[in-house]
C-alpha atoms as a PDB file:
ATOM      1  CA  UNK A   1      12.538 112.110 -36.529  1.00  0.00           C
ATOM      2  CA  UNK A   2       9.192 110.609 -37.426  1.00  0.00           C
ATOM      3  CA  UNK A   3       6.155 112.782 -37.903  1.00  0.00           C
ATOM      4  CA  UNK A   4       2.959 111.416 -36.276  1.00  0.00           C
ATOM      5  CA  UNK A   5       0.071 110.811 -38.579  1.00  0.00           C
ATOM      6  CA  UNK A   6      -2.567 113.524 -38.308  1.00  0.00           C
ATOM      7  CA  UNK A   7      -5.771 112.513 -36.576  1.00  0.00           C
ATOM      8  CA  UNK A   8      -8.717 113.014 -38.936  1.00  0.00           C
ATOM      9  CA  UNK A   9     -11.679 114.999 -37.748  1.00  0.00           C
ATOM     10  CA  UNK A  10     -14.593 112.902 -36.564  1.00  0.00           C
ATOM     11  CA  UNK A  11     -17.210 112.747 -39.324  1.00  0.00           C
ATOM     12  CA  UNK A  12     -20.462 114.521 -38.599  1.00  0.00           C
ATOM     13  CA  UNK A  13     -23.439 112.250 -39.369  1.00  0.00           C
ATOM     14  CA  UNK A  14     -25.508 113.719 -42.174  1.00  0.00           C
ATOM     15  CA  UNK A  15     -27.854 110.827 -42.854  1.00  0.00           C
ATOM     16  CA  UNK A  16     -31.499 111.733 -43.437  1.00  0.00           C
ATOM     17  CA  UNK A  17     -33.617 110.804 -40.417  1.00  0.00           C
ATOM     18  CA  UNK A  18     -35.685 107.656 -40.982  1.00  0.00           C
ATOM     19  CA  UNK A  19     -39.328 107.407 -39.913  1.00  0.00           C
ATOM     20  CA  UNK A  20     -39.094 104.113 -38.021  1.00  0.00           C
ATOM     21  CA  UNK A  21     -41.506 105.031 -35.221  1.00  0.00           C
ATOM     22  CA  UNK A  22     -44.568 106.310 -37.064  1.00  0.00           C
ATOM     23  CA  UNK A  23     -47.698 105.550 -35.036  1.00  0.00           C
ATOM     24  CA  UNK A  24     -45.679 104.415 -32.012  1.00  0.00           C
ATOM     25  CA  UNK A  25     -45.352 105.675 -28.454  1.00  0.00           C
ATOM     26  CA  UNK A  26     -42.113 105.659 -26.463  1.00  0.00           C
ATOM     27  CA  UNK A  27     -41.746 105.917 -22.669  1.00  0.00           C
ATOM     28  CA  UNK A  28     -38.415 107.454 -21.647  1.00  0.00           C
ATOM     29  CA  UNK A  29     -37.117 108.050 -18.118  1.00  0.00           C
ATOM     30  CA  UNK A  30     -34.561 110.714 -17.303  1.00  0.00           C
ATOM     31  CA  UNK A  31     -35.934 112.645 -20.255  1.00  0.00           C
ATOM     32  CA  UNK A  32     -35.389 116.216 -19.044  1.00  0.00           C
ATOM     33  CA  UNK A  33     -31.848 116.527 -20.389  1.00  0.00           C
ATOM     34  CA  UNK A  34     -28.784 114.666 -21.647  1.00  0.00           C
ATOM     35  CA  UNK A  35     -29.237 111.247 -23.176  1.00  0.00           C
ATOM     36  CA  UNK A  36     -32.914 111.036 -22.239  1.00  0.00           C
ATOM     37  CA  UNK A  37     -33.741 114.288 -23.997  1.00  0.00           C
ATOM     38  CA  UNK A  38     -31.657 113.283 -27.030  1.00  0.00           C
ATOM     39  CA  UNK A  39     -33.553 109.991 -27.219  1.00  0.00           C
ATOM     40  CA  UNK A  40     -36.924 111.702 -26.905  1.00  0.00           C
ATOM     41  CA  UNK A  41     -36.055 114.139 -29.683  1.00  0.00           C
ATOM     42  CA  UNK A  42     -34.583 111.432 -31.937  1.00  0.00           C
ATOM     43  CA  UNK A  43     -37.597 109.149 -31.635  1.00  0.00           C
ATOM     44  CA  UNK A  44     -39.973 112.091 -32.079  1.00  0.00           C
ATOM     45  CA  UNK A  45     -38.072 113.059 -35.234  1.00  0.00           C
ATOM     46  CA  UNK A  46     -38.729 109.512 -36.435  1.00  0.00           C
ATOM     47  CA  UNK A  47     -42.454 109.775 -35.750  1.00  0.00           C
ATOM     48  CA  UNK A  48     -42.973 108.682 -32.136  1.00  0.00           C
ATOM     49  CA  UNK A  49     -45.127 110.315 -29.503  1.00  0.00           C
ATOM     50  CA  UNK A  50     -43.371 110.493 -26.144  1.00  0.00           C
ATOM     51  CA  UNK A  51     -44.117 109.764 -22.489  1.00  0.00           C
ATOM     52  CA  UNK A  52     -41.321 111.599 -20.661  1.00  0.00           C
ATOM     53  CA  UNK A  53     -40.503 111.142 -16.977  1.00  0.00           C
ATOM     54  CA  UNK A  54     -37.879 112.872 -14.857  1.00  0.00           C
ATOM     55  CA  UNK A  55     -37.405 113.677 -11.179  1.00  0.00           C
ATOM     56  CA  UNK A  56     -36.571 117.352 -11.938  1.00  0.00           C
ATOM     57  CA  UNK A  57     -34.769 117.844  -8.635  1.00  0.00           C
ATOM     58  CA  UNK A  58     -31.314 117.889  -7.103  1.00  0.00           C
ATOM     59  CA  UNK A  59     -30.052 114.685  -5.541  1.00  0.00           C
ATOM     60  CA  UNK A  60     -28.099 115.028  -2.272  1.00  0.00           C
ATOM     61  CA  UNK A  61     -25.689 112.258  -3.277  1.00  0.00           C
ATOM     62  CA  UNK A  62     -24.325 113.830  -6.485  1.00  0.00           C
ATOM     63  CA  UNK A  63     -21.757 116.587  -6.987  1.00  0.00           C
ATOM     64  CA  UNK A  64     -23.591 117.949 -10.028  1.00  0.00           C
ATOM     65  CA  UNK A  65     -26.919 119.775 -10.175  1.00  0.00           C
ATOM     66  CA  UNK A  66     -30.068 117.807 -10.858  1.00  0.00           C
ATOM     67  CA  UNK A  67     -32.485 118.356 -13.702  1.00  0.00           C
ATOM     68  CA  UNK A  68     -35.136 121.056 -13.403  1.00  0.00           C
ATOM     69  CA  UNK A  69     -38.741 121.582 -14.498  1.00  0.00           C
ATOM     70  CA  UNK A  70     -37.323 124.050 -17.032  1.00  0.00           C
ATOM     71  CA  UNK A  71     -35.171 121.260 -18.496  1.00  0.00           C
ATOM     72  CA  UNK A  72     -38.245 119.074 -18.918  1.00  0.00           C
ATOM     73  CA  UNK A  73     -40.130 121.966 -20.474  1.00  0.00           C
ATOM     74  CA  UNK A  74     -37.334 122.320 -23.026  1.00  0.00           C
ATOM     75  CA  UNK A  75     -37.694 118.633 -23.928  1.00  0.00           C
ATOM     76  CA  UNK A  76     -41.408 119.280 -24.437  1.00  0.00           C
ATOM     77  CA  UNK A  77     -40.627 122.257 -26.676  1.00  0.00           C
ATOM     78  CA  UNK A  78     -38.210 120.261 -28.821  1.00  0.00           C
ATOM     79  CA  UNK A  79     -40.606 117.332 -29.239  1.00  0.00           C
ATOM     80  CA  UNK A  80     -43.578 119.550 -30.043  1.00  0.00           C
ATOM     81  CA  UNK A  81     -41.430 121.472 -32.532  1.00  0.00           C
ATOM     82  CA  UNK A  82     -41.296 118.166 -34.432  1.00  0.00           C
ATOM     83  CA  UNK A  83     -45.107 118.087 -34.433  1.00  0.00           C
ATOM     84  CA  UNK A  84     -45.275 115.162 -32.024  1.00  0.00           C
ATOM     85  CA  UNK A  85     -47.269 114.800 -28.819  1.00  0.00           C
ATOM     86  CA  UNK A  86     -45.591 114.465 -25.428  1.00  0.00           C
ATOM     87  CA  UNK A  87     -46.942 113.684 -21.946  1.00  0.00           C
ATOM     88  CA  UNK A  88     -44.655 114.476 -19.016  1.00  0.00           C
ATOM     89  CA  UNK A  89     -44.396 113.526 -15.368  1.00  0.00           C
ATOM     90  CA  UNK A  90     -42.118 114.806 -12.609  1.00  0.00           C
ATOM     91  CA  UNK A  91     -41.659 111.507 -10.820  1.00  0.00           C
ATOM     92  CA  UNK A  92     -38.897 109.777  -8.859  1.00  0.00           C
ATOM     93  CA  UNK A  93     -38.248 106.352 -10.417  1.00  0.00           C
ATOM     94  CA  UNK A  94     -37.712 104.949  -6.921  1.00  0.00           C
ATOM     95  CA  UNK A  95     -41.474 105.436  -6.427  1.00  0.00           C
ATOM     96  CA  UNK A  96     -43.052 102.479  -8.233  1.00  0.00           C
ATOM     97  CA  UNK A  97     -46.624 103.681  -7.747  1.00  0.00           C
ATOM     98  CA  UNK A  98     -45.655 107.034  -9.221  1.00  0.00           C
ATOM     99  CA  UNK A  99     -43.936 105.456 -12.216  1.00  0.00           C
ATOM    100  CA  UNK A 100     -46.892 103.155 -12.832  1.00  0.00           C
ATOM    101  CA  UNK A 101     -49.320 106.078 -12.662  1.00  0.00           C
ATOM    102  CA  UNK A 102     -47.165 108.112 -15.065  1.00  0.00           C
ATOM    103  CA  UNK A 103     -47.035 105.307 -17.630  1.00  0.00           C
ATOM    104  CA  UNK A 104     -50.754 104.611 -17.381  1.00  0.00           C
ATOM    105  CA  UNK A 105     -51.600 108.323 -17.730  1.00  0.00           C
ATOM    106  CA  UNK A 106     -49.365 108.598 -20.784  1.00  0.00           C
ATOM    107  CA  UNK A 107     -50.848 105.513 -22.415  1.00  0.00           C
ATOM    108  CA  UNK A 108     -54.338 106.759 -21.580  1.00  0.00           C
ATOM    109  CA  UNK A 109     -53.661 109.982 -23.470  1.00  0.00           C
ATOM    110  CA  UNK A 110     -51.489 108.682 -26.329  1.00  0.00           C
ATOM    111  CA  UNK A 111     -53.237 105.361 -26.827  1.00  0.00           C
ATOM    112  CA  UNK A 112     -50.516 102.712 -26.710  1.00  0.00           C
ATOM    113  CA  UNK A 113     -46.966 101.783 -25.682  1.00  0.00           C
ATOM    114  CA  UNK A 114     -44.354 100.348 -28.038  1.00  0.00           C
ATOM    115  CA  UNK A 115     -40.921 101.431 -26.839  1.00  0.00           C
ATOM    116  CA  UNK A 116     -39.471 101.722 -23.336  1.00  0.00           C
ATOM    117  CA  UNK A 117     -36.118 103.376 -22.658  1.00  0.00           C
ATOM    118  CA  UNK A 118     -35.018 103.009 -19.032  1.00  0.00           C
ATOM    119  CA  UNK A 119     -32.456 105.791 -19.032  1.00  0.00           C
ATOM    120  CA  UNK A 120     -32.690 107.602 -15.672  1.00  0.00           C
ATOM    121  CA  UNK A 121     -29.670 107.256 -13.432  1.00  0.00           C
ATOM    122  CA  UNK A 122     -27.047 108.971 -11.294  1.00  0.00           C
ATOM    123  CA  UNK A 123     -23.481 108.438 -10.177  1.00  0.00           C
ATOM    124  CA  UNK A 124     -20.822 109.687  -7.829  1.00  0.00           C
ATOM    125  CA  UNK A 125     -17.222 108.638  -7.276  1.00  0.00           C
ATOM    126  CA  UNK A 126     -15.282 107.283  -4.310  1.00  0.00           C
ATOM    127  CA  UNK A 127     -13.063 104.372  -3.417  1.00  0.00           C
ATOM    128  CA  UNK A 128     -15.211 101.339  -2.660  1.00  0.00           C
ATOM    129  CA  UNK A 129     -14.460 101.158   1.049  1.00  0.00           C
ATOM    130  CA  UNK A 130     -15.166 104.868   1.479  1.00  0.00           C
ATOM    131  CA  UNK A 131     -18.677 104.820  -0.014  1.00  0.00           C
ATOM    132  CA  UNK A 132     -21.140 105.619   2.742  1.00  0.00           C
ATOM    133  CA  UNK A 133     -24.457 103.846   3.176  1.00  0.00           C
ATOM    134  CA  UNK A 134     -26.480 106.807   1.852  1.00  0.00           C
ATOM    135  CA  UNK A 135     -24.551 106.945  -1.406  1.00  0.00           C
ATOM    136  CA  UNK A 136     -24.629 103.172  -1.886  1.00  0.00           C
ATOM    137  CA  UNK A 137     -28.378 102.993  -1.328  1.00  0.00           C
ATOM    138  CA  UNK A 138     -29.143 105.949  -3.606  1.00  0.00           C
ATOM    139  CA  UNK A 139     -27.003 104.569  -6.435  1.00  0.00           C
ATOM    140  CA  UNK A 140     -28.565 101.113  -6.281  1.00  0.00           C
ATOM    141  CA  UNK A 141     -32.105 102.435  -5.804  1.00  0.00           C
ATOM    142  CA  UNK A 142     -31.981 104.919  -8.673  1.00  0.00           C
ATOM    143  CA  UNK A 143     -29.933 102.994 -11.234  1.00  0.00           C
ATOM    144  CA  UNK A 144     -31.088  99.430 -10.625  1.00  0.00           C
ATOM    145  CA  UNK A 145     -34.360  99.497  -8.711  1.00  0.00           C
ATOM    146  CA  UNK A 146     -35.527 102.444 -10.818  1.00  0.00           C
ATOM    147  CA  UNK A 147     -34.813 100.479 -14.001  1.00  0.00           C
ATOM    148  CA  UNK A 148     -36.761  97.555 -12.560  1.00  0.00           C
ATOM    149  CA  UNK A 149     -39.685  99.848 -11.703  1.00  0.00           C
ATOM    150  CA  UNK A 150     -39.669 101.215 -15.250  1.00  0.00           C
ATOM    151  CA  UNK A 151     -39.895  97.744 -16.747  1.00  0.00           C
ATOM    152  CA  UNK A 152     -42.382  96.446 -14.172  1.00  0.00           C
ATOM    153  CA  UNK A 153     -44.761  99.340 -14.847  1.00  0.00           C
ATOM    154  CA  UNK A 154     -44.563  99.023 -18.632  1.00  0.00           C
ATOM    155  CA  UNK A 155     -44.476  95.278 -19.298  1.00  0.00           C
ATOM    156  CA  UNK A 156     -48.097  94.398 -18.375  1.00  0.00           C
ATOM    157  CA  UNK A 157     -49.335  97.135 -20.732  1.00  0.00           C
ATOM    158  CA  UNK A 158     -47.176  95.836 -23.571  1.00  0.00           C
ATOM    159  CA  UNK A 159     -48.211  92.219 -23.009  1.00  0.00           C
ATOM    160  CA  UNK A 160     -51.904  93.114 -22.939  1.00  0.00           C
ATOM    161  CA  UNK A 161     -51.504  95.224 -26.071  1.00  0.00           C
ATOM    162  CA  UNK A 162     -50.135  92.101 -27.809  1.00  0.00           C
ATOM    163  CA  UNK A 163     -48.214  93.944 -30.525  1.00  0.00           C
ATOM    164  CA  UNK A 164     -44.665  93.263 -29.353  1.00  0.00           C
ATOM    165  CA  UNK A 165     -42.252  96.102 -28.744  1.00  0.00           C
ATOM    166  CA  UNK A 166     -38.835  96.841 -27.311  1.00  0.00           C
ATOM    167  CA  UNK A 167     -37.263  97.739 -23.992  1.00  0.00           C
ATOM    168  CA  UNK A 168     -33.807  99.313 -23.901  1.00  0.00           C
ATOM    169  CA  UNK A 169     -31.872  99.767 -20.691  1.00  0.00           C
ATOM    170  CA  UNK A 170     -29.161 102.402 -20.455  1.00  0.00           C
ATOM    171  CA  UNK A 171     -26.371 100.514 -18.750  1.00  0.00           C
ATOM    172  CA  UNK A 172     -22.749 101.615 -19.088  1.00  0.00           C
ATOM    173  CA  UNK A 173     -19.260 100.381 -19.758  1.00  0.00           C
ATOM    174  CA  UNK A 174     -19.429 100.121 -15.963  1.00  0.00           C
ATOM    175  CA  UNK A 175     -22.069  97.439 -16.528  1.00  0.00           C
ATOM    176  CA  UNK A 176     -19.472  95.307 -18.309  1.00  0.00           C
ATOM    177  CA  UNK A 177     -16.116  96.038 -16.642  1.00  0.00           C
ATOM    178  CA  UNK A 178     -14.898  96.998 -13.182  1.00  0.00           C
ATOM    179  CA  UNK A 179     -14.179 100.716 -13.556  1.00  0.00           C
ATOM    180  CA  UNK A 180     -12.395 101.986 -10.431  1.00  0.00           C
ATOM    181  CA  UNK A 181     -13.871 104.598  -8.092  1.00  0.00           C
ATOM    182  CA  UNK A 182     -17.411 103.553  -9.059  1.00  0.00           C
ATOM    183  CA  UNK A 183     -18.109 100.390  -7.057  1.00  0.00           C
ATOM    184  CA  UNK A 184     -21.724 101.292  -6.319  1.00  0.00           C
ATOM    185  CA  UNK A 185     -22.402 102.397  -9.910  1.00  0.00           C
ATOM    186  CA  UNK A 186     -20.603  99.358 -11.335  1.00  0.00           C
ATOM    187  CA  UNK A 187     -22.680  97.093  -9.103  1.00  0.00           C
ATOM    188  CA  UNK A 188     -25.923  98.786 -10.126  1.00  0.00           C
ATOM    189  CA  UNK A 189     -25.123  98.798 -13.846  1.00  0.00           C
ATOM    190  CA  UNK A 190     -24.023  95.149 -13.806  1.00  0.00           C
ATOM    191  CA  UNK A 191     -27.407  94.496 -12.217  1.00  0.00           C
ATOM    192  CA  UNK A 192     -29.135  96.408 -15.023  1.00  0.00           C
ATOM    193  CA  UNK A 193     -27.260  94.271 -17.564  1.00  0.00           C
ATOM    194  CA  UNK A 194     -28.404  91.090 -15.843  1.00  0.00           C
ATOM    195  CA  UNK A 195     -31.990  92.317 -15.558  1.00  0.00           C
ATOM    196  CA  UNK A 196     -32.005  93.074 -19.274  1.00  0.00           C
ATOM    197  CA  UNK A 197     -30.720  89.599 -20.160  1.00  0.00           C
ATOM    198  CA  UNK A 198     -33.309  87.843 -18.001  1.00  0.00           C
ATOM    199  CA  UNK A 199     -36.178  89.949 -19.338  1.00  0.00           C
ATOM    200  CA  UNK A 200     -35.064  89.211 -22.896  1.00  0.00           C
ATOM    201  CA  UNK A 201     -35.672  85.518 -22.227  1.00  0.00           C
ATOM    202  CA  UNK A 202     -38.929  86.020 -20.355  1.00  0.00           C
ATOM    203  CA  UNK A 203     -40.457  88.423 -22.887  1.00  0.00           C
ATOM    204  CA  UNK A 204     -39.331  86.791 -26.132  1.00  0.00           C
ATOM    205  CA  UNK A 205     -42.590  84.774 -26.455  1.00  0.00           C
ATOM    206  CA  UNK A 206     -44.464  88.101 -26.503  1.00  0.00           C
ATOM    207  CA  UNK A 207     -42.170  89.539 -29.221  1.00  0.00           C
ATOM    208  CA  UNK A 208     -40.932  92.128 -26.765  1.00  0.00           C
ATOM    209  CA  UNK A 209     -37.212  92.566 -27.320  1.00  0.00           C
ATOM    210  CA  UNK A 210     -34.960  93.626 -24.450  1.00  0.00           C
ATOM    211  CA  UNK A 211     -31.415  94.940 -24.833  1.00  0.00           C
ATOM    212  CA  UNK A 212     -28.929  97.132 -22.990  1.00  0.00           C
ATOM    213  CA  UNK A 213     -26.802  99.946 -24.385  1.00  0.00           C
ATOM    214  CA  UNK A 214     -23.425 100.688 -22.827  1.00  0.00           C
ATOM    215  CA  UNK A 215     -22.017 104.214 -23.243  1.00  0.00           C
ATOM    216  CA  UNK A 216     -18.640 105.304 -21.920  1.00  0.00           C
ATOM    217  CA  UNK A 217     -18.066 109.032 -21.498  1.00  0.00           C
ATOM    218  CA  UNK A 218     -20.946 111.172 -22.764  1.00  0.00           C
ATOM    219  CA  UNK A 219     -20.907 114.973 -22.891  1.00  0.00           C
ATOM    220  CA  UNK A 220     -24.010 115.723 -20.851  1.00  0.00           C
ATOM    221  CA  UNK A 221     -22.524 118.274 -18.461  1.00  0.00           C
ATOM    222  CA  UNK A 222     -22.837 115.905 -15.488  1.00  0.00           C
ATOM    223  CA  UNK A 223     -19.239 116.111 -14.272  1.00  0.00           C
ATOM    224  CA  UNK A 224     -18.010 114.077 -11.306  1.00  0.00           C
ATOM    225  CA  UNK A 225     -15.425 116.558 -10.065  1.00  0.00           C
ATOM    226  CA  UNK A 226     -14.379 114.177  -7.294  1.00  0.00           C
ATOM    227  CA  UNK A 227     -13.209 111.549  -9.804  1.00  0.00           C
ATOM    228  CA  UNK A 228     -10.572 113.427 -11.763  1.00  0.00           C
ATOM    229  CA  UNK A 229      -8.024 114.279  -9.017  1.00  0.00           C
ATOM    230  CA  UNK A 230      -7.752 110.615  -8.048  1.00  0.00           C
ATOM    231  CA  UNK A 231      -7.316 109.452 -11.650  1.00  0.00           C
ATOM    232  CA  UNK A 232      -4.850 112.239 -12.445  1.00  0.00           C
ATOM    233  CA  UNK A 233      -2.680 111.248  -9.489  1.00  0.00           C
ATOM    234  CA  UNK A 234      -2.873 107.510 -10.208  1.00  0.00           C
ATOM    235  CA  UNK A 235      -1.967 106.684 -13.831  1.00  0.00           C
ATOM    236  CA  UNK A 236      -2.678 102.969 -13.294  1.00  0.00           C
ATOM    237  CA  UNK A 237      -6.309 103.840 -12.633  1.00  0.00           C
ATOM    238  CA  UNK A 238      -6.473 106.675 -15.123  1.00  0.00           C
ATOM    239  CA  UNK A 239      -5.539 104.442 -18.041  1.00  0.00           C
ATOM    240  CA  UNK A 240      -8.690 102.401 -17.407  1.00  0.00           C
ATOM    241  CA  UNK A 241     -10.694 105.450 -18.450  1.00  0.00           C
ATOM    242  CA  UNK A 242      -9.007 105.882 -21.824  1.00  0.00           C
ATOM    243  CA  UNK A 243     -11.034 105.051 -24.961  1.00  0.00           C
ATOM    244  CA  UNK A 244      -9.534 103.818 -28.220  1.00  0.00           C
ATOM    245  CA  UNK A 245     -11.048 106.252 -30.705  1.00  0.00           C
ATOM    246  CA  UNK A 246      -9.502 109.733 -30.622  1.00  0.00           C
ATOM    247  CA  UNK A 247     -12.802 111.548 -30.073  1.00  0.00           C
ATOM    248  CA  UNK A 248     -12.389 111.089 -26.331  1.00  0.00           C
ATOM    249  CA  UNK A 249     -16.061 111.471 -25.518  1.00  0.00           C
ATOM    250  CA  UNK A 250     -19.424 110.726 -27.140  1.00  0.00           C
ATOM    251  CA  UNK A 251     -22.292 113.140 -27.613  1.00  0.00           C
ATOM    252  CA  UNK A 252     -25.806 112.400 -26.376  1.00  0.00           C
ATOM    253  CA  UNK A 253     -26.942 112.187 -29.993  1.00  0.00           C
ATOM    254  CA  UNK A 254     -24.487 109.322 -30.593  1.00  0.00           C
ATOM    255  CA  UNK A 255     -26.201 107.271 -27.904  1.00  0.00           C
ATOM    256  CA  UNK A 256     -29.663 108.288 -29.111  1.00  0.00           C
ATOM    257  CA  UNK A 257     -28.830 107.061 -32.617  1.00  0.00           C
ATOM    258  CA  UNK A 258     -27.830 103.645 -31.280  1.00  0.00           C
ATOM    259  CA  UNK A 259     -30.928 103.432 -29.090  1.00  0.00           C
ATOM    260  CA  UNK A 260     -33.154 104.418 -32.009  1.00  0.00           C
ATOM    261  CA  UNK A 261     -31.755 101.582 -34.088  1.00  0.00           C
ATOM    262  CA  UNK A 262     -31.960  98.875 -31.424  1.00  0.00           C
ATOM    263  CA  UNK A 263     -35.490  99.951 -30.447  1.00  0.00           C
ATOM    264  CA  UNK A 264     -36.682  99.943 -34.052  1.00  0.00           C
ATOM    265  CA  UNK A 265     -38.053  97.137 -36.196  1.00  0.00           C
ATOM    266  CA  UNK A 266     -34.770  97.167 -38.116  1.00  0.00           C
ATOM    267  CA  UNK A 267     -33.415  95.287 -35.091  1.00  0.00           C
ATOM    268  CA  UNK A 268     -36.447  92.981 -34.860  1.00  0.00           C
ATOM    269  CA  UNK A 269     -34.281  89.872 -34.429  1.00  0.00           C
ATOM    270  CA  UNK A 270     -31.943  91.460 -31.880  1.00  0.00           C
ATOM    271  CA  UNK A 271     -32.676  90.695 -28.241  1.00  0.00           C
ATOM    272  CA  UNK A 272     -30.638  89.972 -25.140  1.00  0.00           C
ATOM    273  CA  UNK A 273     -27.509  91.787 -26.325  1.00  0.00           C
ATOM    274  CA  UNK A 274     -25.221  94.318 -24.704  1.00  0.00           C
ATOM    275  CA  UNK A 275     -24.446  97.048 -27.261  1.00  0.00           C
ATOM    276  CA  UNK A 276     -21.348  99.106 -26.410  1.00  0.00           C
ATOM    277  CA  UNK A 277     -21.331 102.650 -27.763  1.00  0.00           C
ATOM    278  CA  UNK A 278     -18.048 103.324 -26.054  1.00  0.00           C
ATOM    279  CA  UNK A 279     -15.325 104.555 -28.418  1.00  0.00           C
ATOM    280  CA  UNK A 280     -13.770 101.093 -28.274  1.00  0.00           C
ATOM    281  CA  UNK A 281     -13.220 101.075 -24.488  1.00  0.00           C
ATOM    282  CA  UNK A 282     -14.503  97.544 -23.804  1.00  0.00           C
ATOM    283  CA  UNK A 283     -12.243  96.169 -26.534  1.00  0.00           C
ATOM    284  CA  UNK A 284      -9.104  97.308 -24.705  1.00  0.00           C
END
C-alpha cells in the first residue's frame, strides 16, 4: 500500500511591506469589507491615501448580507491606524453622478488621483435559463456598468493630472472561463475583462496602465448558499470549481498583494493583461 505524500502547509508571507505608494492617492470601490478593504489597507500600509466608496446596503438579489456603514467605518479605522488619510462615500456604483461626485470630492480633499481599483461587485447563482430579469439586470449593472462608471469618473481627472497612473479591474476566473451556474456573472466579468483590454489601448499614450485581476474563491464571507447543493449533486459541474493548489481558497490579502504589485510602478511596463490569482484554476 502506498502512502500519500503529505501536503505541506501553505507558507505565510512574511515579507516587509514596501512603500510603493508614497505621495499617491488610490480610489477603491467596494471598500467596506473583503477584497476592497484588504486593498485599501495594503495600499495605505505602502503609503497611499484612500478614497473609499461602498454602497453599505443589502442588495435584494443576493443571498448574503450587504456591507454596512459599520463595515466602512472599520476600513476607515484600519487606514487611519496606518497614519494615512481616507475619504469615504456611501454610493451605489450604478449611479454615475454619485460616483463622479465621490471621486471629485476625494480628489478635492486629498489633492490627486494615481490609482483606481474597480472592485465593487455582487453575484448570485442559478442555471442560466432560470435567471430572472431582476437578477440579470442587477448583476450586469453592478459588475459591468459599475466598473465602467468607476473608470469613466476617474479617467478625465487622471488625464488632466498628466502624471500617468494605473487602473485595476477586479474581474474573476468567471471573466476568463464559463463557470456553470453563473451565466449573468460570467457575462458581466467577461465584459469587465474586455473593457480593461480596450482601456489599456486607449490610455497607453497617457501612461495610464489598465489591467484586470482574476481571483477564484476568496474567503470574504460572501457565501452563495444556493450554489453548493447543485454542485454537490452534479460532480461534472462541481469539478469545474476545483483549484489545483491544495489551499482550496485564497484570502483577501492574497488578492490585495497582487493588486498592489500590478498597480505599482514596479509593473510600469505591464498593461492590458489578465492576471489570474486563482490557485491554478485557469490552467486546468
